[in-house]
Amino acid sequence: MAWRGGERGVAMYDPDLGGFASDTAVALLESASDAAFAIDPGLTIVGWNGAACRLLGYAPEETLGKHCSDVLQSVYSHGEPLCVPSCEGLRCIRRFQTFAAPSCYVRHKDGGWVRVNLESVVMSGRARDA
């Protein structure tokens, strides 16, 4: 998943690996100028880039290995929780469909809310190997 506030972001799902964080995906994530993170099939954060650090205040070591909902605590603009056990984003991505949640909010490390556009990218094996 990724977000856009004052920044854009992207994360990769690799259907050939059945998960979110191939080495190529993590390398792309780390080199992106947009705020981005990667998750594994259990929704554990396995990648967190520098732009994400700047946007939300968390260093990678504060997020890696944690469930994404524990870090993001995302809600839709009308207040309904976005980060729930039956996450719509995860359902979309597992069907190899992109997901977007425009104008939602994620929790900054300082406790405040950051308005973002949360988006995903599905990365195929061909794209990964190109």
N, C-alpha and C. Protein backbone atom coordinates (compact mmCIF):
# COMPACT_ATOMS: atom_id res chain seq x y z
N MET A 1 0.84 -1.17 0.00
CA MET A 1 0.00 0.00 0.00
C MET A 1 0.88 1.22 0.00
N ALA A 2 0.25 2.28 -0.32
CA ALA A 2 0.99 3.52 -0.31
C ALA A 2 0.03 4.66 -0.08
N TRP A 3 0.56 5.81 0.18
CA TRP A 3 -0.29 6.95 0.44
C TRP A 3 0.21 8.15 -0.31
N ARG A 4 -0.69 9.09 -0.46
CA ARG A 4 -0.33 10.38 -1.02
C ARG A 4 -0.97 11.43 -0.14
N GLY A 5 -0.21 12.28 0.38
CA GLY A 5 -0.70 13.44 1.10
C GLY A 5 -0.08 14.59 0.35
N GLY A 6 0.95 15.17 0.93
CA GLY A 6 1.78 16.06 0.18
C GLY A 6 2.72 15.23 -0.67
N GLU A 7 2.67 13.92 -0.50
CA GLU A 7 3.55 13.02 -1.20
C GLU A 7 2.74 11.88 -1.80
N ARG A 8 3.35 11.20 -2.76
CA ARG A 8 2.72 10.03 -3.39
C ARG A 8 3.43 8.78 -2.90
N GLY A 9 2.79 7.65 -3.08
CA GLY A 9 3.45 6.42 -2.65
C GLY A 9 3.00 5.20 -3.42
N VAL A 10 3.73 4.12 -3.25
CA VAL A 10 3.43 2.88 -3.95
C VAL A 10 3.98 1.69 -3.16
N ALA A 11 3.29 0.57 -3.26
CA ALA A 11 3.80 -0.69 -2.71
C ALA A 11 3.45 -1.81 -3.67
N MET A 12 4.11 -2.90 -3.55
CA MET A 12 3.99 -3.97 -4.54
C MET A 12 3.42 -5.24 -3.94
N TYR A 13 2.56 -5.90 -4.70
CA TYR A 13 2.09 -7.25 -4.37
C TYR A 13 2.58 -8.15 -5.48
N ASP A 14 3.24 -9.22 -5.16
CA ASP A 14 3.80 -10.13 -6.15
C ASP A 14 2.99 -11.42 -6.16
N PRO A 15 2.07 -11.60 -7.13
CA PRO A 15 1.21 -12.78 -7.13
C PRO A 15 1.98 -14.08 -7.31
N ASP A 16 3.12 -14.04 -8.00
CA ASP A 16 3.89 -15.26 -8.22
C ASP A 16 4.51 -15.78 -6.93
N LEU A 17 4.78 -14.88 -6.01
CA LEU A 17 5.35 -15.29 -4.72
C LEU A 17 4.27 -15.46 -3.66
N GLY A 18 3.03 -15.09 -3.99
CA GLY A 18 1.95 -15.18 -3.02
C GLY A 18 2.12 -14.21 -1.88
N GLY A 19 2.84 -13.15 -2.13
CA GLY A 19 3.09 -12.19 -1.07
C GLY A 19 3.45 -10.83 -1.61
N PHE A 20 3.82 -9.96 -0.73
CA PHE A 20 3.98 -8.56 -1.05
C PHE A 20 5.41 -8.10 -1.18
N ALA A 21 6.39 -8.86 -0.76
CA ALA A 21 7.71 -8.26 -0.63
C ALA A 21 8.82 -9.07 -1.26
N SER A 22 8.85 -9.16 -2.57
CA SER A 22 10.01 -9.74 -3.23
C SER A 22 11.17 -8.76 -3.06
N ASP A 23 12.38 -9.24 -3.29
CA ASP A 23 13.54 -8.35 -3.18
C ASP A 23 13.42 -7.17 -4.14
N THR A 24 12.89 -7.43 -5.34
CA THR A 24 12.74 -6.36 -6.33
C THR A 24 11.73 -5.33 -5.84
N ALA A 25 10.63 -5.79 -5.27
CA ALA A 25 9.61 -4.86 -4.78
C ALA A 25 10.18 -3.98 -3.68
N VAL A 26 10.91 -4.58 -2.76
CA VAL A 26 11.48 -3.81 -1.66
C VAL A 26 12.52 -2.82 -2.19
N ALA A 27 13.31 -3.22 -3.19
CA ALA A 27 14.30 -2.31 -3.77
C ALA A 27 13.60 -1.13 -4.45
N LEU A 28 12.52 -1.40 -5.17
CA LEU A 28 11.75 -0.31 -5.79
C LEU A 28 11.17 0.61 -4.74
N LEU A 29 10.65 0.02 -3.70
CA LEU A 29 10.07 0.79 -2.60
C LEU A 29 11.11 1.72 -1.98
N GLU A 30 12.27 1.21 -1.71
CA GLU A 30 13.31 2.00 -1.07
C GLU A 30 13.84 3.11 -1.96
N SER A 31 13.76 2.94 -3.27
CA SER A 31 14.27 3.96 -4.17
C SER A 31 13.21 4.98 -4.57
N ALA A 32 11.97 4.76 -4.19
CA ALA A 32 10.88 5.67 -4.55
C ALA A 32 10.98 6.98 -3.78
N SER A 33 10.65 8.07 -4.46
CA SER A 33 10.61 9.35 -3.76
C SER A 33 9.28 9.55 -3.05
N ASP A 34 8.30 8.71 -3.37
CA ASP A 34 6.98 8.77 -2.74
C ASP A 34 6.98 7.95 -1.45
N ALA A 35 6.15 8.35 -0.51
CA ALA A 35 5.99 7.58 0.73
C ALA A 35 5.40 6.23 0.39
N ALA A 36 6.03 5.15 0.87
CA ALA A 36 5.57 3.81 0.50
C ALA A 36 5.97 2.79 1.56
N PHE A 37 5.18 1.72 1.61
CA PHE A 37 5.51 0.60 2.48
C PHE A 37 5.09 -0.68 1.79
N ALA A 38 5.65 -1.79 2.21
CA ALA A 38 5.29 -3.10 1.68
C ALA A 38 4.86 -3.99 2.84
N ILE A 39 3.92 -4.88 2.55
CA ILE A 39 3.42 -5.81 3.56
C ILE A 39 3.50 -7.23 3.03
N ASP A 40 3.57 -8.18 3.94
CA ASP A 40 3.56 -9.58 3.55
C ASP A 40 2.12 -10.09 3.62
N PRO A 41 1.87 -11.36 3.29
CA PRO A 41 0.48 -11.86 3.30
C PRO A 41 -0.21 -11.76 4.66
N GLY A 42 0.54 -11.68 5.75
CA GLY A 42 -0.04 -11.54 7.07
C GLY A 42 -0.24 -10.09 7.48
N LEU A 43 -0.04 -9.15 6.53
CA LEU A 43 -0.18 -7.71 6.74
C LEU A 43 0.90 -7.15 7.67
N THR A 44 2.02 -7.85 7.75
CA THR A 44 3.17 -7.37 8.49
C THR A 44 3.99 -6.46 7.60
N ILE A 45 4.40 -5.32 8.12
CA ILE A 45 5.21 -4.39 7.33
C ILE A 45 6.60 -4.96 7.15
N VAL A 46 7.02 -5.08 5.88
CA VAL A 46 8.33 -5.63 5.55
C VAL A 46 9.19 -4.63 4.79
N GLY A 47 8.64 -3.48 4.47
CA GLY A 47 9.38 -2.42 3.80
C GLY A 47 8.80 -1.07 4.15
N TRP A 48 9.66 -0.09 4.38
CA TRP A 48 9.22 1.25 4.81
C TRP A 48 10.28 2.22 4.31
N ASN A 49 9.92 3.12 3.39
CA ASN A 49 10.95 3.96 2.80
C ASN A 49 11.13 5.31 3.50
N GLY A 50 12.14 6.06 3.04
CA GLY A 50 12.47 7.34 3.65
C GLY A 50 11.35 8.35 3.57
N ALA A 51 10.62 8.38 2.46
CA ALA A 51 9.51 9.32 2.34
C ALA A 51 8.40 8.98 3.33
N ALA A 52 8.21 7.70 3.62
CA ALA A 52 7.24 7.30 4.65
C ALA A 52 7.69 7.79 6.02
N CYS A 53 8.99 7.72 6.25
CA CYS A 53 9.54 8.25 7.52
C CYS A 53 9.21 9.72 7.67
N ARG A 54 9.43 10.48 6.61
CA ARG A 54 9.18 11.91 6.66
C ARG A 54 7.69 12.23 6.81
N LEU A 55 6.84 11.46 6.15
CA LEU A 55 5.40 11.72 6.19
C LEU A 55 4.77 11.39 7.54
N LEU A 56 5.18 10.25 8.12
CA LEU A 56 4.52 9.79 9.34
C LEU A 56 5.39 9.79 10.59
N GLY A 57 6.67 10.08 10.44
CA GLY A 57 7.53 10.23 11.60
C GLY A 57 8.13 8.95 12.15
N TYR A 58 7.82 7.80 11.57
CA TYR A 58 8.36 6.54 12.06
C TYR A 58 9.62 6.15 11.30
N ALA A 59 10.65 5.75 12.00
CA ALA A 59 11.83 5.16 11.38
C ALA A 59 11.48 3.73 10.97
N PRO A 60 12.16 3.18 9.97
CA PRO A 60 11.85 1.81 9.55
C PRO A 60 11.85 0.80 10.70
N GLU A 61 12.83 0.91 11.60
CA GLU A 61 12.90 -0.07 12.69
C GLU A 61 11.71 0.01 13.64
N GLU A 62 10.95 1.09 13.59
CA GLU A 62 9.75 1.22 14.42
C GLU A 62 8.53 0.59 13.76
N THR A 63 8.63 0.27 12.46
CA THR A 63 7.48 -0.27 11.74
C THR A 63 7.68 -1.70 11.26
N LEU A 64 8.91 -2.05 10.89
CA LEU A 64 9.17 -3.38 10.33
C LEU A 64 8.82 -4.46 11.34
N GLY A 65 8.07 -5.45 10.85
CA GLY A 65 7.65 -6.55 11.72
C GLY A 65 6.34 -6.30 12.44
N LYS A 66 5.78 -5.11 12.30
CA LYS A 66 4.50 -4.80 12.95
C LYS A 66 3.35 -4.93 11.95
N HIS A 67 2.18 -5.23 12.46
CA HIS A 67 0.98 -5.29 11.63
C HIS A 67 0.69 -3.89 11.10
N CYS A 68 0.36 -3.77 9.83
CA CYS A 68 0.17 -2.44 9.23
C CYS A 68 -0.92 -1.64 9.94
N SER A 69 -1.96 -2.29 10.42
CA SER A 69 -3.02 -1.54 11.10
C SER A 69 -2.56 -0.96 12.44
N ASP A 70 -1.58 -1.61 13.07
CA ASP A 70 -1.05 -1.09 14.33
C ASP A 70 -0.28 0.20 14.12
N VAL A 71 0.32 0.35 12.96
CA VAL A 71 1.10 1.54 12.65
C VAL A 71 0.20 2.61 12.02
N LEU A 72 -0.54 2.26 10.98
CA LEU A 72 -1.30 3.26 10.22
C LEU A 72 -2.57 3.73 10.92
N GLN A 73 -3.30 2.81 11.53
CA GLN A 73 -4.57 3.14 12.19
C GLN A 73 -5.48 3.96 11.28
N SER A 74 -5.51 3.61 10.01
CA SER A 74 -6.19 4.40 8.99
C SER A 74 -7.72 4.40 9.15
N VAL A 75 -8.30 5.56 8.85
CA VAL A 75 -9.76 5.72 8.84
C VAL A 75 -10.16 6.46 7.56
N TYR A 76 -11.37 6.17 7.10
CA TYR A 76 -11.93 6.92 5.97
C TYR A 76 -12.24 8.35 6.43
N SER A 77 -12.45 9.24 5.49
CA SER A 77 -12.68 10.65 5.82
C SER A 77 -13.91 10.85 6.71
N HIS A 78 -14.89 9.94 6.64
CA HIS A 78 -16.09 10.07 7.47
C HIS A 78 -15.92 9.38 8.84
N GLY A 79 -14.70 8.86 9.11
CA GLY A 79 -14.40 8.31 10.43
C GLY A 79 -14.47 6.81 10.56
N GLU A 80 -15.01 6.11 9.57
CA GLU A 80 -15.09 4.65 9.62
C GLU A 80 -13.68 4.06 9.51
N PRO A 81 -13.35 3.08 10.35
CA PRO A 81 -12.02 2.48 10.27
C PRO A 81 -11.77 1.81 8.92
N LEU A 82 -10.61 2.07 8.37
CA LEU A 82 -10.17 1.43 7.13
C LEU A 82 -9.36 0.19 7.46
N CYS A 83 -8.56 0.28 8.51
CA CYS A 83 -7.72 -0.83 8.95
C CYS A 83 -8.54 -1.74 9.86
N VAL A 84 -9.08 -2.80 9.27
CA VAL A 84 -9.88 -3.78 10.00
C VAL A 84 -9.44 -5.18 9.57
N PRO A 85 -9.79 -6.23 10.31
CA PRO A 85 -9.36 -7.58 9.93
C PRO A 85 -9.77 -7.98 8.51
N SER A 86 -10.89 -7.51 8.03
CA SER A 86 -11.34 -7.85 6.68
C SER A 86 -11.00 -6.71 5.71
N CYS A 87 -9.78 -6.21 5.77
CA CYS A 87 -9.31 -5.07 5.00
C CYS A 87 -9.68 -5.18 3.52
N GLU A 88 -10.42 -4.19 3.03
CA GLU A 88 -10.82 -4.18 1.62
C GLU A 88 -9.62 -4.10 0.70
N GLY A 89 -8.60 -3.38 1.11
CA GLY A 89 -7.39 -3.29 0.30
C GLY A 89 -6.75 -4.64 0.08
N LEU A 90 -6.63 -5.42 1.12
CA LEU A 90 -6.04 -6.75 1.00
C LEU A 90 -6.90 -7.65 0.12
N ARG A 91 -8.21 -7.59 0.29
CA ARG A 91 -9.10 -8.41 -0.56
C ARG A 91 -8.91 -8.06 -2.03
N CYS A 92 -8.83 -6.78 -2.35
CA CYS A 92 -8.62 -6.35 -3.74
C CYS A 92 -7.30 -6.88 -4.28
N ILE A 93 -6.26 -6.68 -3.52
CA ILE A 93 -4.94 -7.06 -3.98
C ILE A 93 -4.82 -8.56 -4.17
N ARG A 94 -5.43 -9.34 -3.30
CA ARG A 94 -5.38 -10.79 -3.45
C ARG A 94 -6.14 -11.26 -4.69
N ARG A 95 -7.04 -10.42 -5.20
CA ARG A 95 -7.73 -10.70 -6.46
C ARG A 95 -6.99 -10.06 -7.64
N PHE A 96 -5.77 -9.58 -7.38
CA PHE A 96 -4.92 -8.93 -8.38
C PHE A 96 -5.57 -7.66 -8.94
N GLN A 97 -6.28 -6.96 -8.08
CA GLN A 97 -6.89 -5.68 -8.43
C GLN A 97 -6.27 -4.60 -7.57
N THR A 98 -6.14 -3.42 -8.14
CA THR A 98 -5.60 -2.31 -7.36
C THR A 98 -6.65 -1.82 -6.38
N PHE A 99 -6.21 -1.09 -5.39
CA PHE A 99 -7.07 -0.55 -4.35
C PHE A 99 -6.73 0.91 -4.16
N ALA A 100 -7.74 1.72 -3.92
CA ALA A 100 -7.51 3.13 -3.61
C ALA A 100 -8.52 3.59 -2.56
N ALA A 101 -8.04 4.37 -1.63
CA ALA A 101 -8.89 5.00 -0.61
C ALA A 101 -8.53 6.48 -0.58
N PRO A 102 -9.18 7.26 -1.45
CA PRO A 102 -8.85 8.69 -1.49
C PRO A 102 -9.33 9.41 -0.24
N SER A 103 -8.57 10.38 0.15
CA SER A 103 -8.93 11.25 1.28
C SER A 103 -9.21 10.49 2.56
N CYS A 104 -8.32 9.57 2.91
CA CYS A 104 -8.43 8.93 4.21
C CYS A 104 -7.36 9.52 5.12
N TYR A 105 -7.31 9.04 6.34
CA TYR A 105 -6.36 9.57 7.32
C TYR A 105 -5.56 8.43 7.92
N VAL A 106 -4.27 8.67 8.15
CA VAL A 106 -3.42 7.73 8.85
C VAL A 106 -2.81 8.46 10.04
N ARG A 107 -2.45 7.70 11.04
CA ARG A 107 -1.96 8.28 12.29
C ARG A 107 -0.46 8.58 12.19
N HIS A 108 -0.08 9.81 12.50
CA HIS A 108 1.33 10.20 12.59
C HIS A 108 1.88 9.71 13.92
N LYS A 109 3.17 9.52 13.99
CA LYS A 109 3.81 9.08 15.23
C LYS A 109 3.49 10.00 16.40
N ASP A 110 3.32 11.30 16.13
CA ASP A 110 3.04 12.25 17.21
C ASP A 110 1.58 12.22 17.67
N GLY A 111 0.76 11.34 17.05
CA GLY A 111 -0.63 11.18 17.45
C GLY A 111 -1.62 11.93 16.57
N GLY A 112 -1.13 12.86 15.76
CA GLY A 112 -2.01 13.60 14.86
C GLY A 112 -2.41 12.78 13.65
N TRP A 113 -3.34 13.31 12.88
CA TRP A 113 -3.81 12.65 11.66
C TRP A 113 -3.18 13.30 10.44
N VAL A 114 -2.85 12.48 9.46
CA VAL A 114 -2.31 12.95 8.19
C VAL A 114 -3.28 12.51 7.10
N ARG A 115 -3.79 13.49 6.34
CA ARG A 115 -4.71 13.16 5.24
C ARG A 115 -3.91 12.65 4.05
N VAL A 116 -4.31 11.50 3.53
CA VAL A 116 -3.59 10.86 2.43
C VAL A 116 -4.57 10.24 1.44
N ASN A 117 -4.05 9.87 0.30
CA ASN A 117 -4.73 9.02 -0.66
C ASN A 117 -3.97 7.71 -0.66
N LEU A 118 -4.59 6.67 -0.16
CA LEU A 118 -3.96 5.36 -0.04
C LEU A 118 -4.19 4.60 -1.34
N GLU A 119 -3.11 4.06 -1.93
CA GLU A 119 -3.20 3.36 -3.21
C GLU A 119 -2.30 2.13 -3.19
N SER A 120 -2.60 1.19 -4.08
CA SER A 120 -1.77 -0.02 -4.19
C SER A 120 -1.36 -0.23 -5.64
N VAL A 121 -0.34 -1.08 -5.80
CA VAL A 121 0.11 -1.51 -7.11
C VAL A 121 0.31 -3.03 -7.01
N VAL A 122 -0.15 -3.76 -8.01
CA VAL A 122 0.06 -5.20 -8.07
C VAL A 122 1.18 -5.44 -9.06
N MET A 123 2.23 -6.11 -8.63
CA MET A 123 3.40 -6.34 -9.46
C MET A 123 3.46 -7.81 -9.89
N SER A 124 3.39 -8.06 -11.19
CA SER A 124 3.43 -9.42 -11.70
C SER A 124 4.86 -9.93 -11.75
N GLY A 125 5.02 -11.23 -11.93
CA GLY A 125 6.35 -11.81 -12.06
C GLY A 125 7.10 -11.26 -13.25
N ARG A 126 6.39 -11.02 -14.34
CA ARG A 126 7.06 -10.45 -15.52
C ARG A 126 7.62 -9.07 -15.23
N ALA A 127 6.85 -8.26 -14.52
CA ALA A 127 7.33 -6.92 -14.16
C ALA A 127 8.52 -7.02 -13.22
N ARG A 128 8.46 -7.98 -12.31
CA ARG A 128 9.53 -8.14 -11.33
C ARG A 128 10.82 -8.56 -12.01
N ASP A 129 10.71 -9.42 -13.02
CA ASP A 129 11.89 -9.96 -13.67
C ASP A 129 12.41 -9.09 -14.81
N ALA A 130 11.68 -8.04 -15.17
CA ALA A 130 12.07 -7.20 -16.30
C ALA A 130 13.32 -6.40 -16.01
